[in-house]
Amino acid sequence: MAGAQAPERNGDHFVIELQGAGYSYDGTGLLSDLTTAFAPGSFQFLTGPSGAGKSTLLKLCYGELKPTKGAVLLDGRDSRQVGRDGLARLRRRIGVVHQDCQFVDHLTVRDNVALPLTVAGRDPAAEATNLDQLLGWVGLANRANATPPQLSGGERQRAALARAIIMDPDVIIADEPTGNIDWEMSQRLLALLAELNKLGKTILVATHDLALIRAAKPLVAARVLRLAGGTLTTAGAEL
């Protein structure tokens, strides 16, 4: 994306696969026996009631949590068997957009978006053109020198998306990315995600907003998964 150099890869495609995966908090089961795969280049919505474990499932998918039962494979590697450094390399191929995105408030938007480059040991100055193109793509070129407290909710989410894709990941995971923004901005963010999908990125979006899922139908061919009672089902066409 935006001409950024992709991280070193072990294969042509990055696949996230759940094999009978479950997760328990303090012995209380939240997720159980989840088996599915997120095919490269697919667009997936994850929906379900509040408290069903959508955020927990996403954390399993990007390695922040490890399953207490079964396995989660990231690019064919069992997340439970991957060390800290290996997991860090895998996570460079997964961009994450949180609902309550956190920024370093004293840094500019431009510097916040560039932080993953710095963490990965790359010089943001050497990729200035790519960074500027990315900020323009999300509609923040004129806000590049603003600080996060000066941004609207929609601008913060677009900045979060830019930061998530600055490393040119194969997979973008978004946890309720439109939960704190208005409908017009929600549609704009959805359009950006759809465009990324058309570029071959795998997209996984957790949302409780069924209207957003319906609005995606003209843009992408999406699979809708419903999480309830600790298990996953494929939602029907009534959505």
Protein backbone atom coordinates (compact mmCIF):
# COMPACT_ATOMS: atom_id res chain seq x y z
CA MET A 1 0.00 0.00 0.00
CA ALA A 2 1.22 3.48 -0.87
CA GLY A 3 4.45 2.01 -2.21
CA ALA A 4 5.71 0.99 1.23
CA GLN A 5 8.17 -1.87 1.26
CA ALA A 6 6.58 -5.10 2.44
CA PRO A 7 8.18 -7.02 5.32
CA GLU A 8 10.05 -10.24 4.64
CA ARG A 9 7.63 -13.02 3.84
CA ASN A 10 7.69 -16.79 4.25
CA GLY A 11 5.07 -17.45 1.58
CA ASP A 12 2.86 -15.88 -1.00
CA HIS A 13 -0.20 -15.48 1.22
CA PHE A 14 -0.82 -14.85 4.90
CA VAL A 15 -3.60 -17.03 6.30
CA ILE A 16 -5.16 -16.85 9.76
CA GLU A 17 -6.70 -20.17 10.73
CA LEU A 18 -8.55 -21.23 13.88
CA GLN A 19 -8.49 -24.94 14.70
CA GLY A 20 -10.88 -25.78 17.51
CA ALA A 21 -9.71 -22.61 19.23
CA GLY A 22 -11.13 -21.55 22.58
CA TYR A 23 -10.37 -18.95 25.21
CA SER A 24 -11.15 -18.82 28.91
CA TYR A 25 -10.80 -16.01 31.43
CA ASP A 26 -10.00 -17.28 34.93
CA GLY A 27 -11.43 -20.67 34.05
CA THR A 28 -14.65 -19.25 32.63
CA GLY A 29 -15.06 -20.17 28.98
CA LEU A 30 -15.76 -17.29 26.62
CA LEU A 31 -14.95 -18.85 23.24
CA SER A 32 -15.08 -22.53 22.42
CA ASP A 33 -14.21 -24.80 19.51
CA LEU A 34 -13.88 -22.08 16.88
CA THR A 35 -12.82 -23.48 13.52
CA THR A 36 -12.54 -21.23 10.47
CA ALA A 37 -9.99 -19.66 8.15
CA PHE A 38 -9.73 -16.17 6.74
CA ALA A 39 -8.77 -16.68 3.13
CA PRO A 40 -6.23 -14.30 1.56
CA GLY A 41 -7.96 -11.38 -0.12
CA SER A 42 -11.32 -12.01 1.56
CA PHE A 43 -13.53 -9.50 3.36
CA GLN A 44 -15.12 -10.68 6.59
CA PHE A 45 -17.52 -9.07 9.02
CA LEU A 46 -17.70 -10.35 12.59
CA THR A 47 -20.91 -9.48 14.40
CA GLY A 48 -22.73 -10.57 17.53
CA PRO A 49 -24.09 -9.23 20.82
CA SER A 50 -22.05 -7.11 23.21
CA GLY A 51 -19.93 -9.30 25.45
CA ALA A 52 -19.91 -12.21 23.01
CA GLY A 53 -16.12 -12.07 22.73
CA LYS A 54 -15.59 -10.33 19.39
CA SER A 55 -12.60 -8.33 20.63
CA THR A 56 -11.14 -11.45 22.23
CA LEU A 57 -11.45 -13.33 18.96
CA LEU A 58 -9.70 -10.52 17.11
CA LYS A 59 -6.88 -10.54 19.67
CA LEU A 60 -6.42 -14.26 19.02
CA CYS A 61 -6.22 -13.48 15.30
CA TYR A 62 -3.40 -10.99 15.68
CA GLY A 63 -1.55 -12.79 18.44
CA GLU A 64 -2.15 -10.48 21.39
CA LEU A 65 -3.85 -13.43 23.09
CA LYS A 66 -3.08 -17.12 22.71
CA PRO A 67 -5.83 -19.74 22.82
CA THR A 68 -6.34 -21.73 25.99
CA LYS A 69 -7.69 -24.57 23.87
CA GLY A 70 -7.05 -25.61 20.28
CA ALA A 71 -4.79 -23.58 18.01
CA VAL A 72 -4.59 -20.36 16.05
CA LEU A 73 -2.26 -20.52 13.06
CA LEU A 74 -0.69 -17.30 11.80
CA ASP A 75 0.87 -17.88 8.40
CA GLY A 76 0.94 -21.58 9.25
CA ARG A 77 2.61 -21.12 12.63
CA ASP A 78 0.93 -22.03 15.89
CA SER A 79 0.77 -18.79 17.89
CA ARG A 80 1.40 -20.71 21.13
CA GLN A 81 4.76 -21.88 19.79
CA VAL A 82 6.01 -18.54 18.49
CA GLY A 83 8.39 -16.50 20.62
CA ARG A 84 8.21 -12.75 21.16
CA ASP A 85 10.50 -11.83 18.26
CA GLY A 86 8.79 -14.22 15.87
CA LEU A 87 5.40 -12.90 16.86
CA ALA A 88 6.58 -9.32 16.30
CA ARG A 89 7.63 -10.26 12.76
CA LEU A 90 4.29 -11.93 12.08
CA ARG A 91 2.36 -8.95 13.42
CA ARG A 92 4.08 -6.63 10.94
CA ARG A 93 1.93 -8.41 8.37
CA ILE A 94 -1.26 -7.63 10.30
CA GLY A 95 -2.52 -4.06 10.67
CA VAL A 96 -4.92 -3.41 13.55
CA VAL A 97 -7.42 -0.55 13.94
CA HIS A 98 -8.88 -0.28 17.45
CA GLN A 99 -12.18 1.37 18.31
CA ASP A 100 -10.51 3.59 20.89
CA CYS A 101 -7.34 4.31 18.95
CA GLN A 102 -4.45 5.55 21.05
CA PHE A 103 -1.95 8.12 19.84
CA VAL A 104 1.05 9.97 21.25
CA ASP A 105 -0.64 13.31 21.81
CA HIS A 106 2.45 15.51 21.58
CA LEU A 107 3.43 14.10 18.17
CA THR A 108 1.89 15.23 14.90
CA VAL A 109 -0.48 13.03 12.93
CA ARG A 110 2.32 12.42 10.45
CA ASP A 111 4.72 11.27 13.15
CA ASN A 112 2.07 9.08 14.78
CA VAL A 113 1.33 7.33 11.49
CA ALA A 114 5.08 6.80 10.97
CA LEU A 115 5.66 5.20 14.39
CA PRO A 116 5.50 1.57 13.13
CA LEU A 117 8.33 2.38 10.72
CA THR A 118 10.46 3.64 13.59
CA VAL A 119 9.67 0.60 15.73
CA ALA A 120 10.66 -1.67 12.83
CA GLY A 121 14.00 0.14 12.50
CA ARG A 122 13.15 1.93 9.26
CA ASP A 123 13.80 5.62 8.70
CA PRO A 124 10.52 7.54 8.17
CA ALA A 125 12.47 10.31 6.42
CA ALA A 126 13.52 7.84 3.73
CA GLU A 127 9.86 7.01 3.10
CA ALA A 128 8.51 10.55 3.20
CA THR A 129 6.88 10.30 -0.23
CA ASN A 130 5.08 7.08 0.67
CA LEU A 131 3.92 8.61 3.94
CA ASP A 132 2.59 11.73 2.24
CA GLN A 133 0.74 9.62 -0.34
CA LEU A 134 -0.83 7.55 2.41
CA LEU A 135 -2.01 10.61 4.35
CA GLY A 136 -3.49 11.97 1.13
CA TRP A 137 -5.26 8.66 0.45
CA VAL A 138 -7.04 8.75 3.84
CA GLY A 139 -7.87 12.44 3.36
CA LEU A 140 -5.53 13.82 6.02
CA ALA A 141 -2.92 15.61 3.93
CA ASN A 142 -4.05 18.96 5.32
CA ARG A 143 -4.01 17.62 8.90
CA ALA A 144 -0.54 16.06 8.81
CA ASN A 145 0.91 18.60 11.23
CA ALA A 146 -2.04 18.62 13.62
CA THR A 147 -1.82 16.77 16.92
CA PRO A 148 -4.29 14.01 17.85
CA PRO A 149 -6.28 16.15 20.35
CA GLN A 150 -7.08 18.50 17.44
CA LEU A 151 -8.68 15.75 15.34
CA SER A 152 -12.35 14.85 15.03
CA GLY A 153 -13.46 11.28 15.68
CA GLY A 154 -13.53 10.47 11.99
CA GLU A 155 -10.08 11.96 11.44
CA ARG A 156 -8.70 9.89 14.32
CA GLN A 157 -10.07 6.70 12.79
CA ARG A 158 -8.60 7.52 9.39
CA ALA A 159 -5.26 8.28 11.04
CA ALA A 160 -5.50 4.93 12.83
CA LEU A 161 -6.15 3.19 9.51
CA ALA A 162 -3.15 4.92 7.95
CA ARG A 163 -0.94 3.83 10.85
CA ALA A 164 -2.26 0.27 10.56
CA ILE A 165 -1.31 -0.02 6.88
CA ILE A 166 1.95 1.94 6.79
CA MET A 167 3.89 -1.35 6.89
CA ASP A 168 1.92 -2.74 3.93
CA PRO A 169 0.31 -5.62 5.87
CA ASP A 170 -1.44 -8.55 4.24
CA VAL A 171 -4.30 -8.46 6.76
CA ILE A 172 -6.20 -5.51 8.26
CA ILE A 173 -8.21 -6.18 11.42
CA ALA A 174 -10.59 -3.47 12.62
CA ASP A 175 -12.44 -3.65 15.95
CA GLU A 176 -15.64 -1.56 15.83
CA PRO A 177 -13.87 1.09 13.71
CA THR A 178 -17.07 3.08 13.17
CA GLY A 179 -18.38 2.87 16.72
CA ASN A 180 -17.51 6.46 17.63
CA ILE A 181 -18.12 8.27 14.33
CA ASP A 182 -21.15 9.43 12.38
CA TRP A 183 -22.77 7.59 9.48
CA GLU A 184 -21.20 9.69 6.73
CA MET A 185 -17.72 9.09 8.10
CA SER A 186 -18.54 5.42 8.68
CA GLN A 187 -19.29 5.05 4.98
CA ARG A 188 -16.07 6.83 4.08
CA LEU A 189 -14.04 4.47 6.26
CA LEU A 190 -15.89 1.49 4.79
CA ALA A 191 -15.00 2.68 1.29
CA LEU A 192 -11.32 2.84 2.25
CA LEU A 193 -11.44 -0.71 3.61
CA ALA A 194 -13.20 -1.89 0.44
CA GLU A 195 -10.47 -0.29 -1.67
CA LEU A 196 -7.79 -2.06 0.36
CA ASN A 197 -9.63 -5.34 -0.19
CA LYS A 198 -9.60 -4.74 -3.95
CA LEU A 199 -5.83 -4.36 -3.68
CA GLY A 200 -5.69 -7.91 -2.31
CA LYS A 201 -5.71 -7.23 1.42
CA THR A 202 -7.61 -9.54 3.76
CA ILE A 203 -10.08 -7.49 5.82
CA LEU A 204 -11.70 -8.55 9.11
CA VAL A 205 -14.09 -6.03 10.69
CA ALA A 206 -15.90 -6.54 13.98
CA THR A 207 -19.07 -4.47 14.18
CA HIS A 208 -22.47 -4.44 15.84
CA ASP A 209 -23.79 -2.12 13.10
CA LEU A 210 -25.89 -4.18 10.68
CA ALA A 211 -26.52 -1.08 8.56
CA LEU A 212 -22.78 -0.89 7.90
CA ILE A 213 -22.77 -4.52 6.76
CA ARG A 214 -25.69 -3.84 4.42
CA ALA A 215 -23.92 -0.75 3.05
CA ALA A 216 -20.93 -2.92 2.16
CA LYS A 217 -22.89 -5.19 -0.18
CA PRO A 218 -22.46 -3.00 -3.30
CA LEU A 219 -18.75 -2.56 -2.52
CA VAL A 220 -17.40 -6.01 -1.61
CA ALA A 221 -18.33 -9.68 -1.51
CA ALA A 222 -18.20 -10.14 2.24
CA ARG A 223 -18.73 -13.14 4.47
CA VAL A 224 -20.61 -12.35 7.68
CA LEU A 225 -19.77 -14.37 10.78
CA ARG A 226 -21.88 -14.20 13.92
CA LEU A 227 -20.35 -14.88 17.31
CA ALA A 228 -22.80 -15.84 20.04
CA GLY A 229 -22.70 -18.32 22.90
CA GLY A 230 -19.00 -18.82 22.35
CA THR A 231 -19.42 -20.24 18.84
CA LEU A 232 -19.25 -18.93 15.26
CA THR A 233 -21.93 -19.29 12.62
CA THR A 234 -22.26 -17.89 9.10
CA ALA A 235 -24.97 -15.25 9.00
CA GLY A 236 -27.67 -15.56 6.38
CA ALA A 237 -28.72 -13.27 3.57
CA GLU A 238 -31.24 -11.45 5.76
CA LEU A 239 -28.43 -9.12 6.83
